[in-house]
């Protein structure tokens, strides 16, 4: 991640997605805080982000778009409840990111079958690379 603005934008997108089902679950909040810490965002700024409007930025790198998609998918699974609104929203977000719909569906299916919804990073990238051929 390059700039503070990009980091805030990614986190704002994650915050918006985490509340698409109408509530923010404790596990979602904890996950968001972990991501904020990884992005070197302090507690005060993190709390302020919940009161800011999300104006999505275009992520140029495909690798970063895949990372962000996977983060969103993890949020979708972390509360243990898969809402229909979340499923529709993540598919739309993936399309807007320019990610291959077949690859994103495959990743979501793999996550659904995994015991903790996590998949190996190499497998994640392989699913998207297969779609390039």
N, C-alpha and C. Protein backbone atom coordinates (compact mmCIF):
# COMPACT_ATOMS: atom_id res chain seq x y z
N UNK A 1 0.85 -1.17 0.00
CA UNK A 1 0.00 0.00 0.00
C UNK A 1 0.90 1.23 0.00
N UNK A 2 0.62 2.17 -0.87
CA UNK A 2 1.52 3.30 -1.04
C UNK A 2 1.21 4.50 -0.15
N UNK A 3 0.04 5.06 -0.26
CA UNK A 3 -0.23 6.31 0.44
C UNK A 3 -1.23 6.12 1.57
N UNK A 4 -1.24 7.09 2.47
CA UNK A 4 -2.21 7.07 3.57
C UNK A 4 -3.63 7.14 3.01
N UNK A 5 -3.81 7.89 1.94
CA UNK A 5 -5.13 8.02 1.33
C UNK A 5 -5.61 6.66 0.79
N UNK A 6 -4.71 5.90 0.18
CA UNK A 6 -5.08 4.57 -0.33
C UNK A 6 -5.44 3.64 0.83
N UNK A 7 -4.67 3.71 1.90
CA UNK A 7 -4.94 2.87 3.07
C UNK A 7 -6.31 3.19 3.66
N UNK A 8 -6.60 4.48 3.81
CA UNK A 8 -7.91 4.88 4.34
C UNK A 8 -9.03 4.42 3.42
N UNK A 9 -8.83 4.57 2.12
CA UNK A 9 -9.85 4.19 1.16
C UNK A 9 -10.15 2.69 1.23
N UNK A 10 -9.11 1.87 1.34
CA UNK A 10 -9.31 0.43 1.45
C UNK A 10 -10.09 0.08 2.71
N UNK A 11 -9.71 0.72 3.80
CA UNK A 11 -10.39 0.44 5.07
C UNK A 11 -11.83 0.96 5.05
N UNK A 12 -12.05 2.11 4.44
CA UNK A 12 -13.42 2.64 4.32
C UNK A 12 -14.30 1.68 3.52
N UNK A 13 -13.74 1.11 2.46
CA UNK A 13 -14.48 0.14 1.66
C UNK A 13 -14.82 -1.09 2.50
N UNK A 14 -13.88 -1.54 3.30
CA UNK A 14 -14.11 -2.70 4.15
C UNK A 14 -15.17 -2.40 5.21
N UNK A 15 -15.12 -1.20 5.78
CA UNK A 15 -16.12 -0.80 6.78
C UNK A 15 -17.51 -0.77 6.15
N UNK A 16 -17.61 -0.17 4.97
CA UNK A 16 -18.90 -0.10 4.28
C UNK A 16 -19.44 -1.51 3.99
N UNK A 17 -18.56 -2.39 3.53
CA UNK A 17 -18.99 -3.74 3.21
C UNK A 17 -19.41 -4.51 4.47
N UNK A 18 -18.70 -4.28 5.57
CA UNK A 18 -19.00 -5.03 6.80
C UNK A 18 -20.37 -4.69 7.37
N UNK A 19 -20.94 -3.57 6.97
CA UNK A 19 -22.25 -3.18 7.48
C UNK A 19 -23.36 -3.35 6.44
N UNK A 20 -23.06 -4.00 5.33
CA UNK A 20 -24.05 -4.17 4.27
C UNK A 20 -25.25 -5.00 4.73
N UNK A 21 -25.03 -5.86 5.73
CA UNK A 21 -26.13 -6.68 6.25
C UNK A 21 -26.94 -5.96 7.33
N UNK A 22 -26.60 -4.70 7.61
CA UNK A 22 -27.37 -3.92 8.56
C UNK A 22 -26.78 -3.82 9.95
N UNK A 23 -25.73 -4.58 10.23
CA UNK A 23 -25.09 -4.46 11.54
C UNK A 23 -23.61 -4.81 11.45
N UNK A 24 -22.87 -4.29 12.42
CA UNK A 24 -21.44 -4.57 12.52
C UNK A 24 -21.24 -5.53 13.68
N UNK A 25 -20.86 -6.75 13.36
CA UNK A 25 -20.64 -7.77 14.38
C UNK A 25 -19.28 -7.55 15.06
N UNK A 26 -19.18 -8.01 16.28
CA UNK A 26 -17.94 -7.85 17.06
C UNK A 26 -16.74 -8.43 16.32
N UNK A 27 -16.89 -9.61 15.75
CA UNK A 27 -15.78 -10.25 15.03
C UNK A 27 -15.38 -9.45 13.80
N UNK A 28 -16.35 -8.83 13.15
CA UNK A 28 -16.04 -7.97 11.99
C UNK A 28 -15.23 -6.76 12.45
N UNK A 29 -15.64 -6.15 13.55
CA UNK A 29 -14.92 -5.01 14.09
C UNK A 29 -13.49 -5.40 14.47
N UNK A 30 -13.34 -6.55 15.10
CA UNK A 30 -12.00 -7.02 15.47
C UNK A 30 -11.14 -7.25 14.23
N UNK A 31 -11.73 -7.83 13.19
CA UNK A 31 -10.99 -8.06 11.95
C UNK A 31 -10.58 -6.74 11.31
N UNK A 32 -11.50 -5.78 11.27
CA UNK A 32 -11.19 -4.46 10.72
C UNK A 32 -10.04 -3.80 11.48
N UNK A 33 -10.04 -3.93 12.80
CA UNK A 33 -8.97 -3.34 13.61
C UNK A 33 -7.63 -4.02 13.31
N UNK A 34 -7.64 -5.34 13.10
CA UNK A 34 -6.40 -6.03 12.72
C UNK A 34 -5.86 -5.52 11.39
N UNK A 35 -6.74 -5.33 10.43
CA UNK A 35 -6.32 -4.80 9.12
C UNK A 35 -5.78 -3.38 9.29
N UNK A 36 -6.47 -2.57 10.10
CA UNK A 36 -6.02 -1.19 10.33
C UNK A 36 -4.61 -1.19 10.93
N UNK A 37 -4.37 -2.08 11.86
CA UNK A 37 -3.04 -2.16 12.47
C UNK A 37 -1.99 -2.56 11.44
N UNK A 38 -2.33 -3.51 10.56
CA UNK A 38 -1.41 -3.91 9.50
C UNK A 38 -1.10 -2.76 8.55
N UNK A 39 -2.07 -1.86 8.39
CA UNK A 39 -1.89 -0.70 7.52
C UNK A 39 -1.31 0.50 8.27
N UNK A 40 -0.93 0.28 9.54
CA UNK A 40 -0.36 1.34 10.39
C UNK A 40 -1.31 2.52 10.60
N UNK A 41 -2.59 2.20 10.80
CA UNK A 41 -3.60 3.22 11.08
C UNK A 41 -3.86 3.19 12.58
N UNK A 42 -3.74 4.35 13.23
CA UNK A 42 -3.89 4.38 14.69
C UNK A 42 -5.37 4.30 15.09
N UNK A 43 -5.58 4.07 16.38
CA UNK A 43 -6.92 3.85 16.93
C UNK A 43 -7.85 5.03 16.67
N UNK A 44 -7.36 6.26 16.85
CA UNK A 44 -8.21 7.44 16.66
C UNK A 44 -8.68 7.56 15.21
N UNK A 45 -7.77 7.43 14.27
CA UNK A 45 -8.14 7.50 12.86
C UNK A 45 -9.09 6.35 12.51
N UNK A 46 -8.81 5.17 13.04
CA UNK A 46 -9.67 4.01 12.79
C UNK A 46 -11.11 4.31 13.22
N UNK A 47 -11.28 4.86 14.41
CA UNK A 47 -12.62 5.19 14.89
C UNK A 47 -13.26 6.29 14.05
N UNK A 48 -12.47 7.27 13.61
CA UNK A 48 -12.98 8.35 12.77
C UNK A 48 -13.49 7.84 11.42
N UNK A 49 -12.89 6.78 10.93
CA UNK A 49 -13.28 6.24 9.62
C UNK A 49 -14.74 5.79 9.59
N UNK A 50 -15.28 5.42 10.74
CA UNK A 50 -16.67 4.96 10.80
C UNK A 50 -17.65 6.12 10.58
N UNK A 51 -17.15 7.34 10.57
CA UNK A 51 -18.00 8.52 10.39
C UNK A 51 -17.68 9.26 9.11
N UNK A 52 -16.93 8.62 8.20
CA UNK A 52 -16.55 9.24 6.94
C UNK A 52 -17.25 8.56 5.78
N UNK A 53 -17.45 9.33 4.72
CA UNK A 53 -18.06 8.79 3.51
C UNK A 53 -17.03 8.01 2.72
N UNK A 54 -17.45 6.90 2.17
CA UNK A 54 -16.56 6.07 1.36
C UNK A 54 -16.62 6.53 -0.09
N UNK A 55 -15.50 7.07 -0.57
CA UNK A 55 -15.38 7.42 -1.99
C UNK A 55 -14.31 6.47 -2.54
N UNK A 56 -14.76 5.37 -3.16
CA UNK A 56 -13.80 4.34 -3.59
C UNK A 56 -12.77 4.87 -4.59
N UNK A 57 -11.54 4.42 -4.39
CA UNK A 57 -10.46 4.72 -5.34
C UNK A 57 -10.23 3.49 -6.20
N UNK A 58 -9.73 3.72 -7.38
CA UNK A 58 -9.42 2.62 -8.28
C UNK A 58 -8.06 2.06 -7.87
N UNK A 59 -8.02 0.76 -7.64
CA UNK A 59 -6.77 0.09 -7.30
C UNK A 59 -6.15 -0.38 -8.61
N UNK A 60 -4.99 0.14 -8.94
CA UNK A 60 -4.37 -0.15 -10.24
C UNK A 60 -3.80 -1.56 -10.33
N UNK A 61 -3.17 -2.02 -9.28
CA UNK A 61 -2.50 -3.32 -9.29
C UNK A 61 -3.51 -4.45 -9.14
N UNK A 62 -3.46 -5.42 -10.04
CA UNK A 62 -4.37 -6.57 -9.93
C UNK A 62 -4.12 -7.33 -8.63
N UNK A 63 -2.86 -7.46 -8.24
CA UNK A 63 -2.53 -8.15 -7.00
C UNK A 63 -3.21 -7.47 -5.81
N UNK A 64 -3.19 -6.14 -5.76
CA UNK A 64 -3.83 -5.42 -4.66
C UNK A 64 -5.35 -5.54 -4.73
N UNK A 65 -5.91 -5.60 -5.94
CA UNK A 65 -7.36 -5.80 -6.06
C UNK A 65 -7.75 -7.19 -5.53
N UNK A 66 -6.93 -8.19 -5.84
CA UNK A 66 -7.19 -9.55 -5.35
C UNK A 66 -7.09 -9.57 -3.82
N UNK A 67 -6.07 -8.91 -3.29
CA UNK A 67 -5.92 -8.82 -1.83
C UNK A 67 -7.16 -8.20 -1.19
N UNK A 68 -7.61 -7.08 -1.75
CA UNK A 68 -8.77 -6.39 -1.18
C UNK A 68 -10.02 -7.26 -1.30
N UNK A 69 -10.21 -7.92 -2.42
CA UNK A 69 -11.34 -8.83 -2.58
C UNK A 69 -11.30 -9.91 -1.49
N UNK A 70 -10.13 -10.47 -1.26
CA UNK A 70 -9.99 -11.54 -0.26
C UNK A 70 -10.27 -11.01 1.14
N UNK A 71 -9.81 -9.79 1.44
CA UNK A 71 -10.12 -9.19 2.75
C UNK A 71 -11.63 -9.05 2.94
N UNK A 72 -12.29 -8.58 1.90
CA UNK A 72 -13.75 -8.42 1.97
C UNK A 72 -14.43 -9.78 2.16
N UNK A 73 -13.93 -10.78 1.46
CA UNK A 73 -14.51 -12.12 1.60
C UNK A 73 -14.30 -12.65 3.02
N UNK A 74 -13.15 -12.35 3.61
CA UNK A 74 -12.91 -12.77 4.99
C UNK A 74 -13.88 -12.09 5.95
N UNK A 75 -14.13 -10.80 5.73
CA UNK A 75 -15.11 -10.09 6.56
C UNK A 75 -16.48 -10.75 6.43
N UNK A 76 -16.82 -11.12 5.21
CA UNK A 76 -18.12 -11.73 4.95
C UNK A 76 -18.28 -13.02 5.75
N UNK A 77 -17.19 -13.75 5.95
CA UNK A 77 -17.25 -15.03 6.65
C UNK A 77 -16.99 -14.93 8.15
N UNK A 78 -16.39 -13.84 8.62
CA UNK A 78 -15.88 -13.84 10.00
C UNK A 78 -16.97 -13.85 11.06
N UNK A 79 -18.17 -13.41 10.75
CA UNK A 79 -19.23 -13.45 11.76
C UNK A 79 -19.97 -14.79 11.77
N UNK A 80 -19.60 -15.67 10.84
CA UNK A 80 -20.22 -17.00 10.79
C UNK A 80 -21.58 -17.03 10.12
N UNK A 81 -22.03 -15.88 9.63
CA UNK A 81 -23.35 -15.79 9.00
C UNK A 81 -23.17 -15.21 7.60
N UNK A 82 -23.57 -15.96 6.58
CA UNK A 82 -23.47 -15.47 5.22
C UNK A 82 -24.83 -14.89 4.80
N UNK A 83 -24.89 -13.58 4.69
CA UNK A 83 -26.13 -12.91 4.31
C UNK A 83 -26.21 -12.79 2.79
N UNK A 84 -27.42 -12.84 2.28
CA UNK A 84 -27.63 -12.71 0.85
C UNK A 84 -27.13 -11.36 0.34
N UNK A 85 -27.34 -10.30 1.14
CA UNK A 85 -26.87 -8.96 0.75
C UNK A 85 -25.36 -8.94 0.61
N UNK A 86 -24.66 -9.64 1.50
CA UNK A 86 -23.20 -9.69 1.42
C UNK A 86 -22.75 -10.40 0.15
N UNK A 87 -23.40 -11.51 -0.15
CA UNK A 87 -23.04 -12.28 -1.35
C UNK A 87 -23.23 -11.46 -2.62
N UNK A 88 -24.34 -10.75 -2.71
CA UNK A 88 -24.59 -9.91 -3.89
C UNK A 88 -23.61 -8.74 -3.94
N UNK A 89 -23.37 -8.12 -2.78
CA UNK A 89 -22.48 -6.96 -2.73
C UNK A 89 -21.06 -7.32 -3.12
N UNK A 90 -20.55 -8.46 -2.64
CA UNK A 90 -19.17 -8.82 -2.95
C UNK A 90 -19.01 -9.16 -4.43
N UNK A 91 -20.03 -9.76 -5.02
CA UNK A 91 -19.97 -10.04 -6.46
C UNK A 91 -19.93 -8.74 -7.26
N UNK A 92 -20.74 -7.77 -6.86
CA UNK A 92 -20.75 -6.48 -7.55
C UNK A 92 -19.42 -5.74 -7.37
N UNK A 93 -18.89 -5.77 -6.16
CA UNK A 93 -17.61 -5.12 -5.89
C UNK A 93 -16.51 -5.75 -6.73
N UNK A 94 -16.50 -7.07 -6.83
CA UNK A 94 -15.49 -7.77 -7.63
C UNK A 94 -15.57 -7.36 -9.09
N UNK A 95 -16.78 -7.24 -9.61
CA UNK A 95 -16.96 -6.80 -11.00
C UNK A 95 -16.44 -5.38 -11.18
N UNK A 96 -16.78 -4.50 -10.23
CA UNK A 96 -16.31 -3.11 -10.30
C UNK A 96 -14.80 -3.02 -10.19
N UNK A 97 -14.18 -3.97 -9.49
CA UNK A 97 -12.72 -4.01 -9.38
C UNK A 97 -12.08 -4.53 -10.66
N UNK A 98 -12.88 -5.11 -11.54
CA UNK A 98 -12.35 -5.67 -12.77
C UNK A 98 -11.80 -7.07 -12.60
N UNK A 99 -12.24 -7.75 -11.55
CA UNK A 99 -11.79 -9.13 -11.32
C UNK A 99 -12.69 -10.09 -12.07
N UNK A 100 -12.13 -11.20 -12.48
CA UNK A 100 -12.85 -12.20 -13.24
C UNK A 100 -13.96 -12.82 -12.39
N UNK A 101 -15.22 -12.75 -12.84
CA UNK A 101 -16.33 -13.29 -12.06
C UNK A 101 -16.22 -14.79 -11.78
N UNK A 102 -15.69 -15.55 -12.74
CA UNK A 102 -15.52 -16.98 -12.53
C UNK A 102 -14.52 -17.25 -11.42
N UNK A 103 -13.42 -16.51 -11.43
CA UNK A 103 -12.39 -16.68 -10.40
C UNK A 103 -12.93 -16.27 -9.03
N UNK A 104 -13.66 -15.17 -8.96
CA UNK A 104 -14.18 -14.72 -7.66
C UNK A 104 -15.20 -15.73 -7.12
N UNK A 105 -16.02 -16.28 -7.99
CA UNK A 105 -17.00 -17.28 -7.55
C UNK A 105 -16.26 -18.52 -7.04
N UNK A 106 -15.22 -18.91 -7.73
CA UNK A 106 -14.45 -20.09 -7.31
C UNK A 106 -13.78 -19.86 -5.96
N UNK A 107 -13.22 -18.67 -5.76
CA UNK A 107 -12.60 -18.35 -4.48
C UNK A 107 -13.64 -18.39 -3.36
N UNK A 108 -14.80 -17.80 -3.59
CA UNK A 108 -15.86 -17.81 -2.58
C UNK A 108 -16.32 -19.23 -2.26
N UNK A 109 -16.40 -20.09 -3.29
CA UNK A 109 -16.77 -21.49 -3.06
C UNK A 109 -15.70 -22.21 -2.23
N UNK A 110 -14.43 -21.96 -2.54
CA UNK A 110 -13.33 -22.57 -1.77
C UNK A 110 -13.38 -22.12 -0.31
N UNK A 111 -13.66 -20.84 -0.11
CA UNK A 111 -13.73 -20.32 1.25
C UNK A 111 -14.89 -20.93 2.02
N UNK A 112 -16.01 -21.12 1.34
CA UNK A 112 -17.20 -21.69 1.98
C UNK A 112 -16.91 -23.12 2.45
N UNK A 113 -16.10 -23.86 1.68
CA UNK A 113 -15.79 -25.25 2.01
C UNK A 113 -14.67 -25.38 3.05
N UNK A 114 -13.85 -24.34 3.19
CA UNK A 114 -12.73 -24.39 4.14
C UNK A 114 -13.25 -24.29 5.57
N UNK A 115 -12.62 -25.00 6.51
CA UNK A 115 -13.11 -24.99 7.89
C UNK A 115 -13.11 -23.61 8.55
N UNK A 116 -12.14 -22.77 8.21
CA UNK A 116 -12.08 -21.43 8.82
C UNK A 116 -12.22 -20.33 7.77
N UNK A 117 -12.69 -20.68 6.60
CA UNK A 117 -12.92 -19.76 5.47
C UNK A 117 -11.64 -19.19 4.89
N UNK A 118 -10.50 -19.67 5.33
CA UNK A 118 -9.23 -19.18 4.79
C UNK A 118 -8.69 -20.16 3.77
N UNK A 119 -8.07 -19.60 2.72
CA UNK A 119 -7.43 -20.44 1.72
C UNK A 119 -5.98 -20.00 1.58
N UNK A 120 -5.16 -20.91 1.13
CA UNK A 120 -3.74 -20.65 0.97
C UNK A 120 -3.54 -19.51 -0.05
N UNK A 121 -2.67 -18.54 0.26
CA UNK A 121 -2.44 -17.41 -0.65
C UNK A 121 -2.00 -17.84 -2.05
N UNK A 122 -1.19 -18.90 -2.13
CA UNK A 122 -0.74 -19.39 -3.44
C UNK A 122 -1.92 -19.91 -4.25
N UNK A 123 -2.84 -20.60 -3.57
CA UNK A 123 -4.02 -21.13 -4.25
C UNK A 123 -4.92 -19.97 -4.71
N UNK A 124 -5.03 -18.96 -3.87
CA UNK A 124 -5.83 -17.77 -4.21
C UNK A 124 -5.32 -17.15 -5.51
N UNK A 125 -4.02 -16.91 -5.57
CA UNK A 125 -3.43 -16.31 -6.77
C UNK A 125 -3.55 -17.23 -7.97
N UNK A 126 -3.40 -18.54 -7.75
CA UNK A 126 -3.49 -19.51 -8.84
C UNK A 126 -4.87 -19.49 -9.49
N UNK A 127 -5.91 -19.35 -8.67
CA UNK A 127 -7.28 -19.30 -9.21
C UNK A 127 -7.43 -18.13 -10.17
N UNK A 128 -6.88 -16.99 -9.80
CA UNK A 128 -6.99 -15.81 -10.68
C UNK A 128 -6.07 -15.95 -11.90
N UNK A 129 -4.89 -16.53 -11.72
CA UNK A 129 -3.97 -16.69 -12.84
C UNK A 129 -4.50 -17.66 -13.88
N UNK A 130 -5.22 -18.70 -13.43
CA UNK A 130 -5.80 -19.66 -14.36
C UNK A 130 -6.76 -19.00 -15.33
N UNK A 131 -7.42 -17.95 -14.89
CA UNK A 131 -8.40 -17.26 -15.73
C UNK A 131 -7.74 -16.41 -16.81
N UNK A 132 -6.44 -16.16 -16.68
CA UNK A 132 -5.73 -15.38 -17.69
C UNK A 132 -5.41 -16.21 -18.93
N UNK A 133 -5.41 -17.52 -18.79
CA UNK A 133 -5.04 -18.41 -19.90
C UNK A 133 -6.19 -18.69 -20.81
